[in-house]
C-alpha atoms as a PDB file:
ATOM      1  CA  MET A   1     -43.138  69.731 -10.088  1.00  0.00           C
ATOM      2  CA  ALA A   2     -41.263  68.823 -13.339  1.00  0.00           C
ATOM      3  CA  ILE A   3     -43.319  65.755 -14.260  1.00  0.00           C
ATOM      4  CA  GLY A   4     -45.866  67.992 -16.072  1.00  0.00           C
ATOM      5  CA  THR A   5     -43.024  69.690 -17.982  1.00  0.00           C
ATOM      6  CA  PHE A   6     -41.625  66.216 -18.934  1.00  0.00           C
ATOM      7  CA  LEU A   7     -44.988  64.967 -20.170  1.00  0.00           C
ATOM      8  CA  LYS A   8     -45.666  68.335 -22.175  1.00  0.00           C
ATOM      9  CA  ALA A   9     -42.240  68.112 -23.653  1.00  0.00           C
ATOM     10  CA  LEU A  10     -42.553  64.415 -24.457  1.00  0.00           C
ATOM     11  CA  VAL A  11     -45.830  64.918 -26.448  1.00  0.00           C
ATOM     12  CA  ILE A  12     -44.311  67.970 -28.211  1.00  0.00           C
ATOM     13  CA  TYR A  13     -41.105  66.244 -29.240  1.00  0.00           C
ATOM     14  CA  ILE A  14     -42.853  63.020 -30.353  1.00  0.00           C
ATOM     15  CA  ALA A  15     -45.335  64.965 -32.365  1.00  0.00           C
ATOM     16  CA  SER A  16     -42.372  66.927 -34.086  1.00  0.00           C
ATOM     17  CA  ALA A  17     -40.539  63.685 -34.687  1.00  0.00           C
ATOM     18  CA  LEU A  18     -43.618  62.081 -36.447  1.00  0.00           C
ATOM     19  CA  ILE A  19     -44.237  65.218 -38.511  1.00  0.00           C
ATOM     20  CA  ILE A  20     -40.630  65.249 -39.623  1.00  0.00           C
ATOM     21  CA  TYR A  21     -40.835  61.576 -40.629  1.00  0.00           C
ATOM     22  CA  ALA A  22     -44.134  62.163 -42.417  1.00  0.00           C
ATOM     23  CA  VAL A  23     -42.573  64.644 -44.854  1.00  0.00           C
ATOM     24  CA  SER A  24     -39.223  63.071 -45.209  1.00  0.00           C
ATOM     25  CA  PRO A  25     -38.360  60.370 -47.572  1.00  0.00           C
ATOM     26  CA  TYR A  26     -36.452  58.217 -45.096  1.00  0.00           C
ATOM     27  CA  SER A  27     -37.080  54.752 -43.728  1.00  0.00           C
ATOM     28  CA  LEU A  28     -38.384  53.254 -40.490  1.00  0.00           C
ATOM     29  CA  ASP A  29     -34.821  53.407 -39.040  1.00  0.00           C
ATOM     30  CA  PHE A  30     -35.034  57.109 -39.378  1.00  0.00           C
ATOM     31  CA  LEU A  31     -38.206  57.264 -37.372  1.00  0.00           C
ATOM     32  CA  LEU A  32     -36.871  55.209 -34.611  1.00  0.00           C
ATOM     33  CA  LYS A  33     -33.910  57.653 -34.385  1.00  0.00           C
ATOM     34  CA  LEU A  34     -36.247  60.558 -34.271  1.00  0.00           C
ATOM     35  CA  LEU A  35     -38.209  58.942 -31.505  1.00  0.00           C
ATOM     36  CA  ALA A  36     -35.077  58.159 -29.388  1.00  0.00           C
ATOM     37  CA  PHE A  37     -33.922  61.730 -29.825  1.00  0.00           C
ATOM     38  CA  ALA A  38     -37.421  63.026 -28.827  1.00  0.00           C
ATOM     39  CA  PHE A  39     -37.449  60.901 -25.713  1.00  0.00           C
ATOM     40  CA  GLY A  40     -33.870  61.824 -24.669  1.00  0.00           C
ATOM     41  CA  ALA A  41     -34.674  65.549 -25.102  1.00  0.00           C
ATOM     42  CA  ALA A  42     -37.726  65.179 -23.153  1.00  0.00           C
ATOM     43  CA  LEU A  43     -35.816  63.695 -20.331  1.00  0.00           C
ATOM     44  CA  LEU A  44     -33.495  66.534 -20.292  1.00  0.00           C
ATOM     45  CA  THR A  45     -36.036  69.222 -20.413  1.00  0.00           C
ATOM     46  CA  PRO A  46     -37.266  69.337 -16.847  1.00  0.00           C
ATOM     47  CA  PHE A  47     -33.559  69.759 -15.749  1.00  0.00           C
ATOM     48  CA  VAL A  48     -32.924  72.575 -18.105  1.00  0.00           C
ATOM     49  CA  TYR A  49     -36.180  74.522 -18.255  1.00  0.00           C
ATOM     50  CA  PRO A  50     -36.055  75.778 -14.539  1.00  0.00           C
ATOM     51  CA  HIS A  51     -32.978  77.448 -14.989  1.00  0.00           C
ATOM     52  CA  LEU A  52     -34.144  79.155 -18.188  1.00  0.00           C
ATOM     53  CA  ARG A  53     -37.536  80.218 -16.519  1.00  0.00           C
ATOM     54  CA  GLY A  54     -36.363  80.989 -12.940  1.00  0.00           C
ATOM     55  CA  VAL A  55     -38.923  81.744 -10.243  1.00  0.00           C
ATOM     56  CA  ARG A  56     -42.089  83.558 -11.645  1.00  0.00           C
ATOM     57  CA  LYS A  57     -44.795  85.321 -10.071  1.00  0.00           C
ATOM     58  CA  GLY A  58     -47.570  82.922  -8.772  1.00  0.00           C
ATOM     59  CA  ASP A  59     -45.189  80.006  -8.267  1.00  0.00           C
ATOM     60  CA  SER A  60     -45.392  78.088  -5.147  1.00  0.00           C
ATOM     61  CA  VAL A  61     -42.045  78.180  -3.098  1.00  0.00           C
ATOM     62  CA  LEU A  62     -40.636  76.359  -0.153  1.00  0.00           C
ATOM     63  CA  VAL A  63     -39.709  78.956   2.453  1.00  0.00           C
ATOM     64  CA  GLU A  64     -36.895  78.243   4.713  1.00  0.00           C
ATOM     65  CA  VAL A  65     -36.234  80.120   7.913  1.00  0.00           C
ATOM     66  CA  SER A  66     -32.642  81.462   7.990  1.00  0.00           C
ATOM     67  CA  GLY A  67     -30.551  80.648  10.980  1.00  0.00           C
ATOM     68  CA  ARG A  68     -31.767  76.858  10.990  1.00  0.00           C
ATOM     69  CA  GLU A  69     -29.380  74.314   9.600  1.00  0.00           C
ATOM     70  CA  ALA A  70     -30.959  72.710   6.585  1.00  0.00           C
ATOM     71  CA  ALA A  71     -32.546  69.236   6.847  1.00  0.00           C
ATOM     72  CA  PRO A  72     -31.385  66.827   4.024  1.00  0.00           C
ATOM     73  CA  GLY A  73     -33.549  66.334   0.982  1.00  0.00           C
ATOM     74  CA  ILE A  74     -37.257  65.813   1.301  1.00  0.00           C
ATOM     75  CA  LEU A  75     -37.296  66.062   5.178  1.00  0.00           C
ATOM     76  CA  ARG A  76     -36.871  69.736   4.695  1.00  0.00           C
ATOM     77  CA  LEU A  77     -40.645  69.985   3.606  1.00  0.00           C
ATOM     78  CA  PHE A  78     -41.806  68.639   6.838  1.00  0.00           C
ATOM     79  CA  PHE A  79     -39.500  70.065   9.529  1.00  0.00           C
ATOM     80  CA  GLN A  80     -37.824  73.359   8.514  1.00  0.00           C
ATOM     81  CA  ALA A  81     -40.007  75.103   5.976  1.00  0.00           C
ATOM     82  CA  GLY A  82     -43.316  76.457   4.986  1.00  0.00           C
ATOM     83  CA  SER A  83     -45.086  77.107   1.858  1.00  0.00           C
ATOM     84  CA  GLY A  84     -45.596  80.344   0.030  1.00  0.00           C
ATOM     85  CA  VAL A  85     -46.213  82.094  -3.239  1.00  0.00           C
ATOM     86  CA  ALA A  86     -43.786  84.165  -5.151  1.00  0.00           C
ATOM     87  CA  MET A  87     -45.102  87.736  -5.651  1.00  0.00           C
ATOM     88  CA  GLU A  88     -42.491  88.700  -8.235  1.00  0.00           C
ATOM     89  CA  ASN A  89     -40.111  87.106 -10.551  1.00  0.00           C
ATOM     90  CA  GLY A  90     -36.473  86.112  -9.490  1.00  0.00           C
ATOM     91  CA  ARG A  91     -33.464  84.227 -10.034  1.00  0.00           C
ATOM     92  CA  ILE A  92     -30.915  82.433  -7.866  1.00  0.00           C
ATOM     93  CA  GLY A  93     -29.125  84.955  -5.613  1.00  0.00           C
ATOM     94  CA  GLY A  94     -31.892  87.516  -6.084  1.00  0.00           C
ATOM     95  CA  LYS A  95     -34.449  88.619  -3.682  1.00  0.00           C
ATOM     96  CA  ILE A  96     -38.210  88.372  -4.061  1.00  0.00           C
ATOM     97  CA  LEU A  97     -41.227  89.121  -2.181  1.00  0.00           C
ATOM     98  CA  VAL A  98     -43.160  86.070  -1.001  1.00  0.00           C
ATOM     99  CA  MET A  99     -46.627  85.663   0.527  1.00  0.00           C
ATOM    100  CA  ALA A 100     -46.425  83.107   3.354  1.00  0.00           C
ATOM    101  CA  GLY A 101     -49.182  80.721   4.055  1.00  0.00           C
ATOM    102  CA  ASP A 102     -50.434  82.980   6.831  1.00  0.00           C
ATOM    103  CA  GLY A 103     -50.857  85.917   4.274  1.00  0.00           C
ATOM    104  CA  SER A 104     -47.959  87.957   5.474  1.00  0.00           C
ATOM    105  CA  MET A 105     -45.412  89.368   2.969  1.00  0.00           C
ATOM    106  CA  ARG A 106     -41.834  88.336   3.393  1.00  0.00           C
ATOM    107  CA  GLN A 107     -38.580  89.363   1.665  1.00  0.00           C
ATOM    108  CA  CYS A 108     -36.792  86.143   0.527  1.00  0.00           C
ATOM    109  CA  ALA A 109     -33.619  85.212  -1.078  1.00  0.00           C
ATOM    110  CA  VAL A 110     -33.937  82.559  -3.900  1.00  0.00           C
ATOM    111  CA  LEU A 111     -31.835  79.541  -3.168  1.00  0.00           C
ATOM    112  CA  GLY A 112     -32.818  77.037  -5.838  1.00  0.00           C
ATOM    113  CA  TYR A 113     -35.160  76.507  -8.650  1.00  0.00           C
ATOM    114  CA  SER A 114     -38.055  73.756  -8.632  1.00  0.00           C
ATOM    115  CA  GLY A 115     -36.765  70.235  -8.659  1.00  0.00           C
ATOM    116  CA  PHE A 116     -38.434  67.217 -10.166  1.00  0.00           C
ATOM    117  CA  PHE A 117     -40.782  66.792  -7.142  1.00  0.00           C
ATOM    118  CA  THR A 118     -40.193  69.875  -5.089  1.00  0.00           C
ATOM    119  CA  PRO A 119     -41.034  73.641  -5.585  1.00  0.00           C
ATOM    120  CA  ALA A 120     -38.399  76.375  -5.718  1.00  0.00           C
ATOM    121  CA  ARG A 121     -36.483  77.043  -2.450  1.00  0.00           C
ATOM    122  CA  VAL A 122     -36.242  80.512  -0.804  1.00  0.00           C
ATOM    123  CA  ARG A 123     -34.932  81.661   2.557  1.00  0.00           C
ATOM    124  CA  MET A 124     -36.571  84.553   4.570  1.00  0.00           C
ATOM    125  CA  VAL A 125     -34.019  87.331   5.191  1.00  0.00           C
ATOM    126  CA  LYS A 126     -34.040  90.151   7.681  1.00  0.00           C
ATOM    127  CA  PRO A 127     -33.178  93.716   6.772  1.00  0.00           C
ATOM    128  CA  GLY A 128     -29.573  94.329   6.976  1.00  0.00           C
ATOM    129  CA  GLU A 129     -28.843  90.345   7.036  1.00  0.00           C
ATOM    130  CA  VAL A 130     -26.508  88.968   4.511  1.00  0.00           C
ATOM    131  CA  SER A 131     -28.207  86.206   2.597  1.00  0.00           C
ATOM    132  CA  PRO A 132     -26.331  82.656   2.062  1.00  0.00           C
ATOM    133  CA  THR A 133     -25.707  83.924  -1.509  1.00  0.00           C
ATOM    134  CA  GLY A 134     -23.882  87.045  -0.304  1.00  0.00           C
ATOM    135  CA  ILE A 135     -26.630  89.790  -0.857  1.00  0.00           C
ATOM    136  CA  THR A 136     -27.323  92.242   1.738  1.00  0.00           C
ATOM    137  CA  VAL A 137     -31.065  92.884   2.253  1.00  0.00           C
ATOM    138  CA  VAL A 138     -32.031  96.558   2.581  1.00  0.00           C
END
């Protein structure tokens, strides 16, 4: 999921480095330092950006069913979860409305933001149930 973010950030940072070099009176060493900084910043961007952005309306999410023990890593995609689309914005610990793959609307607690290859994770919660983050669903 974050590969696109990395590539966009890389292009923006490299373009900025080249523009700064073009207007500065410094040598080629300065350009190499700017390019190294641009590449390093682009590598960090996919890890920081999801925490600043959160889950937005229209994002695809991985819907876990509460009560099941979570499978490790990528296996969760195949055995214990379904896909859905966030219908409202949210943050970790908050609850959002999610449209499941069958078209039904579900109340879900946000467990995690999108990773490098996976979408954001949410867990379906029932009314009156306390989510894993400690929020009671009304």
